[in-house]
Structures are given as C-alpha cells and as structure tokens.
Amino acid sequence: MASRNFYFNLIVRVLLIALSALALAFAVVRGHYLVLGLFILLFVAQTYWLILFINSTNRKIAYFFDAIKNEDFTLRFPEKVSIKSFKELNQSLNRVNGLIQEVHMQLQIRERYYQEIMRQANIGIMTFNKKGHILFSNPTLENLLNYRPLNHIKQLNQIDAQLYQIFASMEPFDRKLVQLTNEREQIQLALKSTPLQLDGQDLLLVVVQDIHRELDEKETDSWIRLIRVLTHEIMNTITPITSISESILKYFGKHGHLVSPNELTEDKIRNTVKGLEVISGQGNDLMDFVQSYRSFLNVPKPDRTLVSCKKLFEKVTVLTQRNTGDDVEIIWHSTPEDLELFIDEKQITQILVNLVKNAVQSLNGMEKAKVQVIAFVDNSGKKVIEVSDNGPGIPQEIVEDIFVPFFTTKDKGTGIGLSLSKQIMHLHGGNIAVHSKPFEKTSFVLNF
C-alpha cells in the first residue's frame, strides 16, 4: 500500500483496523467462528503494522544515536522515499551525521596533534589517577627516569624509593625537587603538579623537568660574574700598592745597589712615609674586603619565631631614622594589621634596614621623595614585604648584577648588602626580587 502522504497512509491503516473490528463484531453476532478467527488474526496484524509504522521514526532516531555512540558514521538513511515527511527526516539525519563525523575527525586530528606535541616536548609529562594508575607518560619522562613502560606509580619504587614517596604523597599545585643518581649520571628533577578532570575522574598531571644543566649554567655564570667583581676589587687595591712600592724602591736602590744614607733627601723620606701610609690604607681596605667575604660565607642558620609585622616595622623605623632626611617620606603599612611572619627577626631586620637605606640614598636631592614599606598576603596566599621608592631606578644593564657579591655602584660600600639579603631569604625558604621602572617605581620584593 503506497501513499505520498504520511497522514493519508495513517488514516488508511486506522480505517482498515476499524473495518477489521466491524467484521470481527459481525462474525461474533452471526456465529461464524472460522471467519471470526480469520478476522482476529487480521485485526492483530493490522494493529501490529500500525505500531511498526508509527515507531519507524523512533527506530531511525534510536539507530542514529546508537551509531553516533559507537562512532559509526557509515549509517545512511534512504532519501528516495515516497513519504515526504520521512524523506525530510532522513535528509536531516544524514546531514547531522555528516556534521558530527566532520567534527569527530577534526577532534581526532587535534588530539593526535596535541599528543605529538607532548611526545616531542623536552619536559616529562605524566598523568595518573587516585589509585596510582598512569594514564599517560611521554617518552621524555621515560628517558629521564630510564624506565619503560610506566603503568603505575609503584614502578617508581624500583627507580628510587624517595621518588615514589614524592609521587604517592603529591597534592595538587605541589612543587618538589628530587635528585636521582643512576649508572649514567646524576640528575636534578623539578616536579610540578596540576589537578584535572577527565570523564568525571580526578587526575593529577605532573610535569617533570631536568634542571641539572640549567643549574650548572646558572652556577657557572654566577662564578664568572663573582670572579669578575673580585678581580676588579682586588686589582683596584693592589695596583696602587704595586705602583707606590716601585716608586719607593727607586729611592733606596740604584742599578741593583742600595743608595747611601747621604743620598736620601728630606723629600724622598717624606714621600716614602706618604707612600707607606697609602700602602697601609690599601692593605686595610683589602683586609676589610676579605673580612666582608668571610661574613658573607658564614651566615648562621635562621632562628625563626613568629614576629608581628607591625613590631618589626617599628624596630626598623628606629634603626633607619638617623639616615632619613626630612625631605624623604617613609610609609609603613601592613595588611592585615596583625600579620605575622615566621622569621629570624635579626636577619630580616638587617635586610629591611639595608633596603630602606639604599632607597633613601637613591632619592638624595629629589623632590617628593617617597619610600613605601608594605607587608601583605598575595593572591597565592604567600606573605610578602615590598620596599619601593620613586627614585631614578636601576639601569637595566646592571639589574642582573646587583645581587652578585661585592658588586656596587657606590663610592663607599662593600657590595655585599643585597647578596647577603638574597642568601638570608634563601635560608628562610623564600626569595628576593627586584623590579625597576625609572622615576616611577623601584621595588624589592621579599617572598616568604
């Protein structure tokens, strides 16, 4: 039974069921039981065909979603059908199927692209779940750990027990350092974790980087800069001593022989005394320089206690009053007011006194000179002290050198104040950083 209209087709089927029902009733009344059985079968068949006809659309949509779920994009619905509504439905399903197939292919291409990036990355990448099952580890990580394949973090116990304990206890946003030694080399690994969710499952993404080479390069660079500064300071001290010594020797020797006392004039004796005074002064300066080097190397381990920022600032204010002129405004502020730091009070006081003095000296002769010392908690929850001024700033070419021991741009000074401050901050488990924008803001930031 063919029809070009779905509704006409449906009406015809309903009419046939109605006619079958009437014939069934007629057979019951007349007592024609053979005919009655025939019409019962015909009535059931007509009802079943009607249900199949109506459910054909639902079946198509169900088949469609099952195919999408199984990533089967080969399913096509016939578009050359006599019923117009079915034709439009089939065309729509085929069009949606094509769009989803295209999106799926693009996602696969993008996924392969990202996977290739992670495989080629020069840092190790690992993802594992709460049970320790490793879902992904790139070749770089396997090369760093010299172990493959990695399926569970318990395998790390075979590499190094400490490494396994670190991974097993790692929490989101943790940062760890671990040193591994194998038969080939010794490596220093930096670990950083990030939480993520995939298909409703909590995972931990850990990035592993070998920083041994970077540390070696930084260490070598620091030694080069330190040796350059030491050489400069020592040569500045030794050169006058050598020059004056040669001049004095000429007074007392000639052609390899000592001159007689009669040849020594009063001017020569006076110049000799002055020269020896200069040599003595330069020698004392060199001794002070060596002493400052010894004090730099012998920084004691911090004796840390809880210290109120407010009381710390009051102490530093008293210690810096003598060096502060009336033309420099110093602002002290702590947010919150009851902020406390777990520090060695003497050592941190030494840092703040040095920074405030440096800031005041840089503002010499400036109008509206201002120094700000503020303590606060940053967005990551870390406690910070910032010392800033609106002075001429630090030239960009020497920013990297200011923390080098004995580097100084002042006529007087040992040049160990900032380097000593950096060492103290490292002993506290923190760091010190500098940011400078000339005549706007130069700040030294202590991160605890």
Protein backbone atom coordinates (compact mmCIF):
# COMPACT_ATOMS: atom_id res chain seq x y z
CA MET A 1 0.00 0.00 0.00
CA ALA A 2 1.79 3.09 -1.25
CA SER A 3 0.87 6.67 -0.46
CA ARG A 4 2.53 10.03 -0.93
CA ASN A 5 1.25 11.39 2.32
CA PHE A 6 2.06 10.14 5.80
CA TYR A 7 -1.29 11.24 7.22
CA PHE A 8 -3.24 9.57 4.40
CA ASN A 9 -1.23 6.41 5.00
CA LEU A 10 -2.03 6.58 8.71
CA ILE A 11 -5.76 7.21 8.07
CA VAL A 12 -5.95 4.24 5.69
CA ARG A 13 -4.35 1.97 8.31
CA VAL A 14 -6.75 3.19 11.02
CA LEU A 15 -9.74 2.62 8.68
CA LEU A 16 -8.53 -0.90 7.92
CA ILE A 17 -8.31 -1.62 11.66
CA ALA A 18 -11.81 -0.19 12.11
CA LEU A 19 -13.16 -2.36 9.24
CA SER A 20 -11.42 -5.40 10.72
CA ALA A 21 -13.08 -4.62 14.08
CA LEU A 22 -16.55 -4.31 12.44
CA ALA A 23 -16.05 -7.58 10.56
CA LEU A 24 -14.95 -9.18 13.82
CA ALA A 25 -18.13 -7.98 15.53
CA PHE A 26 -20.29 -9.21 12.63
CA ALA A 27 -18.69 -12.67 12.79
CA VAL A 28 -19.39 -12.85 16.54
CA VAL A 29 -23.05 -11.92 16.05
CA ARG A 30 -23.58 -14.41 13.19
CA GLY A 31 -21.63 -17.13 14.91
CA HIS A 32 -19.17 -17.67 12.03
CA TYR A 33 -16.31 -18.86 14.20
CA LEU A 34 -13.99 -19.75 11.34
CA VAL A 35 -14.37 -16.29 9.89
CA LEU A 36 -14.07 -14.92 13.45
CA GLY A 37 -10.61 -16.47 13.86
CA LEU A 38 -9.53 -15.11 10.48
CA PHE A 39 -10.61 -11.56 11.34
CA ILE A 40 -8.94 -11.76 14.79
CA LEU A 41 -5.64 -12.56 13.07
CA LEU A 42 -6.23 -9.79 10.56
CA PHE A 43 -7.08 -7.29 13.37
CA VAL A 44 -3.91 -8.15 15.34
CA ALA A 45 -1.78 -7.94 12.20
CA GLN A 46 -3.22 -4.53 11.25
CA THR A 47 -2.61 -3.20 14.79
CA TYR A 48 0.97 -4.53 14.79
CA TRP A 49 1.68 -2.96 11.36
CA LEU A 50 0.29 0.37 12.59
CA ILE A 51 2.59 0.30 15.63
CA LEU A 52 5.58 -0.53 13.42
CA PHE A 53 4.61 2.25 11.02
CA ILE A 54 4.38 4.84 13.80
CA ASN A 55 7.56 3.63 15.54
CA SER A 56 9.64 3.64 12.36
CA THR A 57 10.70 7.26 13.05
CA ASN A 58 11.68 6.43 16.63
CA ARG A 59 13.69 3.45 15.43
CA LYS A 60 15.57 5.57 12.92
CA ILE A 61 16.48 8.13 15.57
CA ALA A 62 17.46 5.34 18.00
CA TYR A 63 19.65 3.71 15.33
CA PHE A 64 21.15 7.11 14.62
CA PHE A 65 22.15 7.81 18.23
CA ASP A 66 23.44 4.26 18.72
CA ALA A 67 25.66 4.70 15.67
CA ILE A 68 26.95 8.05 16.96
CA LYS A 69 27.62 6.49 20.37
CA ASN A 70 29.65 3.71 18.72
CA GLU A 71 31.43 6.23 16.45
CA ASP A 72 29.93 4.55 13.40
CA PHE A 73 29.43 7.28 10.80
CA THR A 74 28.68 4.89 7.90
CA LEU A 75 24.95 4.78 8.72
CA ARG A 76 22.91 6.38 5.92
CA PHE A 77 19.15 6.70 5.67
CA PRO A 78 17.47 6.41 2.23
CA GLU A 79 16.45 9.79 0.88
CA LYS A 80 14.47 8.43 -2.10
CA VAL A 81 11.26 7.51 -0.31
CA SER A 82 7.67 8.16 -1.29
CA ILE A 83 6.62 9.76 2.02
CA LYS A 84 7.73 13.40 2.07
CA SER A 85 7.99 13.71 5.87
CA PHE A 86 10.20 10.59 6.01
CA LYS A 87 12.36 11.96 3.20
CA GLU A 88 12.94 15.24 5.08
CA LEU A 89 13.69 13.36 8.30
CA ASN A 90 16.21 11.09 6.57
CA GLN A 91 17.90 14.07 4.90
CA SER A 92 18.20 15.87 8.26
CA LEU A 93 19.62 12.80 10.00
CA ASN A 94 22.17 12.27 7.19
CA ARG A 95 23.18 15.95 7.33
CA VAL A 96 23.63 15.88 11.14
CA ASN A 97 25.56 12.64 10.81
CA GLY A 98 27.92 14.27 8.29
CA LEU A 99 28.49 17.30 10.55
CA ILE A 100 29.20 15.12 13.60
CA GLN A 101 31.56 12.97 11.51
CA GLU A 102 33.46 16.08 10.40
CA VAL A 103 33.72 17.41 13.98
CA HIS A 104 34.85 13.97 15.18
CA MET A 105 37.58 13.85 12.54
CA GLN A 106 38.78 17.33 13.47
CA LEU A 107 38.88 16.36 17.14
CA GLN A 108 40.89 13.25 16.30
CA ILE A 109 43.35 15.30 14.24
CA ARG A 110 43.65 17.83 17.09
CA GLU A 111 44.08 15.06 19.65
CA ARG A 112 46.87 13.46 17.59
CA TYR A 113 48.46 16.90 17.22
CA TYR A 114 48.45 17.52 20.98
CA GLN A 115 49.68 14.01 21.69
CA GLU A 116 52.57 14.51 19.28
CA ILE A 117 53.44 17.81 20.97
CA MET A 118 53.51 16.07 24.37
CA ARG A 119 55.62 13.24 22.96
CA GLN A 120 58.12 15.64 21.43
CA ALA A 121 58.22 18.02 24.43
CA ASN A 122 61.59 18.32 26.14
CA ILE A 123 59.93 18.04 29.56
CA GLY A 124 58.46 14.90 31.12
CA ILE A 125 54.67 14.66 31.39
CA MET A 126 52.70 12.12 33.42
CA THR A 127 49.01 11.75 34.24
CA PHE A 128 47.76 9.33 36.88
CA ASN A 129 44.56 8.75 38.88
CA LYS A 130 43.94 8.42 42.61
CA LYS A 131 44.72 4.70 42.52
CA GLY A 132 48.13 5.41 41.03
CA HIS A 133 47.39 4.08 37.55
CA ILE A 134 49.37 6.03 34.95
CA LEU A 135 47.13 7.03 32.06
CA PHE A 136 49.83 8.80 30.06
CA SER A 137 53.60 9.29 30.17
CA ASN A 138 55.61 10.74 27.32
CA PRO A 139 58.96 9.37 26.06
CA THR A 140 60.87 12.27 27.65
CA LEU A 141 59.72 11.20 31.12
CA GLU A 142 60.64 7.58 30.43
CA ASN A 143 64.09 8.71 29.27
CA LEU A 144 64.56 10.90 32.36
CA LEU A 145 63.65 8.04 34.69
CA ASN A 146 65.32 5.42 32.47
CA TYR A 147 62.30 3.15 32.87
CA ARG A 148 59.63 1.94 30.43
CA PRO A 149 56.79 1.26 30.14
CA LEU A 150 55.24 3.15 33.05
CA ASN A 151 51.84 1.79 34.08
CA HIS A 152 51.65 2.51 37.83
CA ILE A 153 53.50 4.87 40.15
CA LYS A 154 54.57 1.86 42.26
CA GLN A 155 57.06 1.15 39.48
CA LEU A 156 58.90 4.32 40.57
CA ASN A 157 59.88 2.44 43.72
CA GLN A 158 62.20 0.35 41.55
CA ILE A 159 63.91 3.54 40.36
CA ASP A 160 64.16 5.37 43.68
CA ALA A 161 62.18 4.93 46.91
CA GLN A 162 62.24 8.68 47.60
CA LEU A 163 60.85 9.42 44.13
CA TYR A 164 57.95 7.01 44.71
CA GLN A 165 57.14 8.58 48.09
CA ILE A 166 57.07 12.04 46.49
CA PHE A 167 54.66 10.94 43.76
CA ALA A 168 52.49 8.97 46.18
CA SER A 169 52.08 11.95 48.52
CA MET A 170 51.83 14.63 45.84
CA GLU A 171 48.90 17.03 46.11
CA PRO A 172 47.54 19.49 43.52
CA PHE A 173 49.83 22.51 42.90
CA ASP A 174 52.75 20.91 44.75
CA ARG A 175 56.32 21.78 43.73
CA LYS A 176 59.08 19.32 44.57
CA LEU A 177 62.78 18.87 43.92
CA VAL A 178 64.38 15.43 43.78
CA GLN A 179 67.87 14.26 42.89
CA LEU A 180 68.33 10.94 41.09
CA THR A 181 71.58 9.06 40.60
CA ASN A 182 71.92 6.19 38.17
CA GLU A 183 74.76 4.40 36.43
CA ARG A 184 74.87 7.05 33.73
CA GLU A 185 74.59 10.40 35.51
CA GLN A 186 73.16 12.44 38.35
CA ILE A 187 70.08 14.49 37.54
CA GLN A 188 68.12 17.13 39.43
CA LEU A 189 64.38 16.97 38.74
CA ALA A 190 61.79 19.68 39.36
CA LEU A 191 58.22 18.37 39.75
CA LYS A 192 55.06 20.44 39.43
CA SER A 193 51.53 19.03 39.76
CA THR A 194 48.20 20.27 38.39
CA PRO A 195 44.74 18.76 39.00
CA LEU A 196 42.37 17.99 36.12
CA GLN A 197 39.18 16.07 35.45
CA LEU A 198 38.55 13.67 32.56
CA ASP A 199 35.26 11.81 32.12
CA GLY A 200 34.35 12.62 35.72
CA GLN A 201 37.60 11.14 37.01
CA ASP A 202 40.00 13.19 39.15
CA LEU A 203 43.52 13.06 37.72
CA LEU A 204 46.87 14.61 38.58
CA LEU A 205 49.09 15.98 35.83
CA VAL A 206 52.77 16.09 36.83
CA VAL A 207 55.39 17.95 34.79
CA VAL A 208 58.97 16.73 35.34
CA GLN A 209 61.95 18.80 34.21
CA ASP A 210 65.68 18.13 34.42
CA ILE A 211 67.12 21.34 35.84
CA HIS A 212 70.63 19.99 36.45
CA ARG A 213 72.02 21.54 33.26
CA GLU A 214 70.24 24.84 33.88
CA LEU A 215 71.61 24.90 37.44
CA ASP A 216 75.12 24.23 36.14
CA GLU A 217 74.82 27.06 33.63
CA LYS A 218 73.48 29.44 36.29
CA GLU A 219 76.21 28.41 38.71
CA THR A 220 78.93 28.89 36.08
CA ASP A 221 77.52 32.27 35.14
CA SER A 222 77.39 33.31 38.81
CA TRP A 223 81.01 32.26 39.34
CA ILE A 224 82.11 34.20 36.26
CA ARG A 225 80.38 37.36 37.48
CA LEU A 226 81.71 36.86 41.02
CA ILE A 227 85.28 36.35 39.78
CA ARG A 228 84.95 39.44 37.60
CA VAL A 229 83.89 41.53 40.61
CA LEU A 230 86.55 40.02 42.88
CA THR A 231 89.24 40.63 40.26
CA HIS A 232 88.10 44.23 39.85
CA GLU A 233 88.13 44.93 43.59
CA ILE A 234 91.47 43.23 44.21
CA MET A 235 93.14 44.92 41.20
CA ASN A 236 91.86 48.31 42.36
CA THR A 237 93.54 47.67 45.72
CA ILE A 238 96.76 46.04 44.52
CA THR A 239 97.58 48.40 41.61
CA PRO A 240 98.34 51.49 43.81
CA ILE A 241 100.38 49.30 46.19
CA THR A 242 102.50 48.00 43.30
CA SER A 243 102.95 51.44 41.76
CA ILE A 244 103.92 53.15 45.04
CA SER A 245 106.23 50.27 46.03
CA GLU A 246 108.12 50.61 42.77
CA SER A 247 108.50 54.37 43.32
CA ILE A 248 109.82 53.85 46.87
CA LEU A 249 112.28 51.18 45.69
CA LYS A 250 113.77 53.70 43.28
CA TYR A 251 114.53 55.99 46.23
CA PHE A 252 116.54 53.30 48.01
CA GLY A 253 118.10 51.40 45.14
CA LYS A 254 120.06 52.28 42.02
CA HIS A 255 121.44 49.83 39.44
CA GLY A 256 120.75 46.95 41.81
CA HIS A 257 122.57 48.51 44.78
CA LEU A 258 121.33 50.31 47.89
CA VAL A 259 121.95 54.06 47.93
CA SER A 260 123.90 55.58 50.78
CA PRO A 261 122.01 57.43 53.56
CA ASN A 262 123.63 60.67 52.41
CA GLU A 263 121.73 60.46 49.12
CA LEU A 264 118.32 60.36 50.82
CA THR A 265 116.77 63.81 50.82
CA GLU A 266 114.04 65.02 53.10
CA ASP A 267 111.54 65.00 50.18
CA LYS A 268 112.34 61.35 49.42
CA ILE A 269 111.85 60.39 53.06
CA ARG A 270 108.59 62.36 53.25
CA ASN A 271 107.32 60.72 50.02
CA THR A 272 108.33 57.33 51.35
CA VAL A 273 106.27 57.87 54.50
CA LYS A 274 103.25 59.01 52.48
CA GLY A 275 103.63 56.03 50.18
CA LEU A 276 103.76 53.62 53.12
CA GLU A 277 100.64 55.26 54.58
CA VAL A 278 98.83 54.70 51.28
CA ILE A 279 100.06 51.07 51.15
CA SER A 280 98.88 50.57 54.73
CA GLY A 281 95.47 52.07 53.90
CA GLN A 282 95.09 49.91 50.80
CA GLY A 283 96.13 46.86 52.82
CA ASN A 284 93.49 47.64 55.44
CA ASP A 285 90.87 48.08 52.70
CA LEU A 286 91.85 44.69 51.31
CA MET A 287 91.56 43.17 54.79
CA ASP A 288 88.09 44.71 55.21
CA PHE A 289 87.15 43.28 51.83
CA VAL A 290 88.30 39.79 52.86
CA GLN A 291 86.50 40.15 56.19
CA SER A 292 83.26 41.06 54.42
CA TYR A 293 83.72 37.96 52.23
CA ARG A 294 84.09 35.83 55.36
CA SER A 295 80.95 37.33 56.90
CA PHE A 296 79.08 36.61 53.66
CA LEU A 297 80.11 32.95 53.77
CA ASN A 298 79.26 32.49 57.47
CA VAL A 299 75.58 33.43 57.59
CA PRO A 300 74.08 31.49 60.54
CA LYS A 301 71.01 29.31 60.14
CA PRO A 302 67.84 31.36 60.87
CA ASP A 303 66.45 31.14 64.39
CA ARG A 304 62.83 31.52 63.37
CA THR A 305 59.92 32.68 65.53
CA LEU A 306 56.54 34.27 64.90
CA VAL A 307 57.09 38.02 64.57
CA SER A 308 54.46 40.73 64.20
CA CYS A 309 55.00 42.84 61.06
CA LYS A 310 53.88 45.91 62.98
CA LYS A 311 56.57 45.45 65.65
CA LEU A 312 59.15 44.57 63.00
CA PHE A 313 58.43 47.82 61.16
CA GLU A 314 58.64 49.83 64.39
CA LYS A 315 62.10 48.38 65.04
CA VAL A 316 63.34 49.12 61.52
CA THR A 317 61.92 52.65 61.75
CA VAL A 318 64.07 53.36 64.82
CA LEU A 319 67.20 51.89 63.17
CA THR A 320 66.79 53.96 59.98
CA GLN A 321 65.78 57.33 61.48
CA ARG A 322 69.37 58.67 61.51
CA ASN A 323 69.74 58.03 57.80
CA THR A 324 66.43 59.58 56.80
CA GLY A 325 66.26 63.26 55.98
CA ASP A 326 63.22 65.47 56.34
CA ASP A 327 62.82 65.54 52.56
CA VAL A 328 62.08 61.79 52.32
CA GLU A 329 58.67 60.43 53.30
CA ILE A 330 58.64 56.82 54.53
CA ILE A 331 55.33 54.96 54.69
CA TRP A 332 54.95 51.75 56.70
CA HIS A 333 51.85 49.62 56.21
CA SER A 334 50.76 46.06 56.99
CA THR A 335 47.63 44.32 55.64
CA PRO A 336 46.16 42.90 57.79
CA GLU A 337 47.46 44.84 60.77
CA ASP A 338 48.01 41.67 62.81
CA LEU A 339 50.04 39.96 60.04
CA GLU A 340 52.77 37.71 61.44
CA LEU A 341 55.86 36.19 59.82
CA PHE A 342 57.78 33.06 60.83
CA ILE A 343 61.29 34.53 60.51
CA ASP A 344 64.62 35.26 62.15
CA GLU A 345 63.88 38.78 63.35
CA LYS A 346 67.51 39.95 63.41
CA GLN A 347 68.25 38.75 59.88
CA ILE A 348 65.08 40.17 58.30
CA THR A 349 65.63 43.43 60.19
CA GLN A 350 69.11 43.58 58.67
CA ILE A 351 67.61 43.15 55.18
CA LEU A 352 64.95 45.83 55.67
CA VAL A 353 67.44 48.33 57.16
CA ASN A 354 69.74 47.82 54.18
CA LEU A 355 66.92 48.18 51.63
CA VAL A 356 65.47 51.30 53.25
CA LYS A 357 68.93 52.94 53.47
CA ASN A 358 69.58 52.15 49.81
CA ALA A 359 66.20 53.59 48.83
CA VAL A 360 66.78 56.79 50.82
CA GLN A 361 70.26 57.23 49.29
CA SER A 362 68.84 56.83 45.78
CA LEU A 363 66.38 59.67 46.50
CA ASN A 364 69.07 62.18 47.51
CA GLY A 365 68.15 65.65 46.27
CA MET A 366 64.81 64.62 44.75
CA GLU A 367 61.52 66.42 45.30
CA LYS A 368 58.50 64.50 46.59
CA ALA A 369 60.79 61.62 47.52
CA LYS A 370 58.89 58.71 48.97
CA VAL A 371 59.70 55.22 50.27
CA GLN A 372 57.00 52.64 50.95
CA VAL A 373 57.39 49.50 53.04
CA ILE A 374 54.29 47.33 52.89
CA ALA A 375 53.53 43.79 54.08
CA PHE A 376 50.63 41.80 52.68
CA VAL A 377 49.39 38.36 51.58
CA ASP A 378 49.39 37.87 47.80
CA ASN A 379 46.80 36.02 45.69
CA SER A 380 48.56 32.68 46.15
CA GLY A 381 48.46 33.01 49.95
CA LYS A 382 52.17 33.80 50.36
CA LYS A 383 53.34 36.54 52.71
CA VAL A 384 55.27 39.39 51.09
CA ILE A 385 57.18 42.51 52.14
CA GLU A 386 57.79 45.13 49.46
CA VAL A 387 60.22 48.06 49.77
CA SER A 388 59.72 50.59 46.98
CA ASP A 389 60.75 54.13 46.08
CA ASN A 390 60.09 56.64 43.30
CA GLY A 391 63.76 57.32 42.58
CA PRO A 392 65.82 57.12 39.35
CA GLY A 393 65.72 53.34 39.42
CA ILE A 394 68.29 50.72 38.49
CA PRO A 395 69.75 50.65 34.95
CA GLN A 396 68.60 47.59 33.06
CA GLU A 397 72.15 46.57 32.17
CA ILE A 398 73.12 46.07 35.84
CA VAL A 399 69.87 44.61 37.23
CA GLU A 400 71.24 41.06 36.96
CA ASP A 401 74.50 42.05 38.72
CA ILE A 402 73.14 43.79 41.81
CA PHE A 403 72.84 40.51 43.73
CA VAL A 404 76.39 39.43 42.85
CA PRO A 405 78.61 39.59 45.97
CA PHE A 406 80.82 42.74 46.15
CA PHE A 407 79.16 44.37 43.14
CA THR A 408 78.44 48.02 43.94
CA THR A 409 77.90 51.30 42.13
CA LYS A 410 78.66 53.38 45.25
CA ASP A 411 81.96 55.08 46.01
CA LYS A 412 81.82 53.65 49.51
CA GLY A 413 80.43 50.25 50.41
CA THR A 414 81.35 46.58 50.37
CA GLY A 415 78.72 45.50 47.85
CA ILE A 416 77.52 42.54 49.91
CA GLY A 417 74.26 44.00 51.27
CA LEU A 418 71.96 42.72 48.54
CA SER A 419 73.79 39.44 48.03
CA LEU A 420 73.64 38.84 51.79
CA SER A 421 69.92 39.67 51.73
CA LYS A 422 69.38 37.12 48.96
CA GLN A 423 71.26 34.46 50.91
CA ILE A 424 69.21 35.15 54.06
CA MET A 425 65.96 34.89 52.10
CA HIS A 426 67.07 31.55 50.62
CA LEU A 427 67.82 30.29 54.13
CA HIS A 428 64.24 31.28 55.02
CA GLY A 429 62.93 29.25 52.08
CA GLY A 430 61.93 32.39 50.18
CA ASN A 431 63.47 34.75 47.66
CA ILE A 432 64.06 38.40 46.86
CA ALA A 433 63.27 40.01 43.51
CA VAL A 434 63.71 43.47 42.03
CA HIS A 435 61.51 45.42 39.61
CA SER A 436 62.53 48.85 38.37
CA LYS A 437 60.76 51.49 36.30
CA PRO A 438 62.90 54.68 36.40
CA PHE A 439 61.34 57.64 38.24
CA GLU A 440 58.11 55.70 38.77
CA LYS A 441 58.72 52.71 41.00
CA THR A 442 61.69 50.60 42.02
CA SER A 443 60.72 47.79 44.35
CA PHE A 444 62.49 44.97 46.17
CA VAL A 445 60.04 42.18 46.98
CA LEU A 446 60.67 39.67 49.78
CA ASN A 447 58.62 36.49 49.22
CA PHE A 448 58.30 34.22 52.27
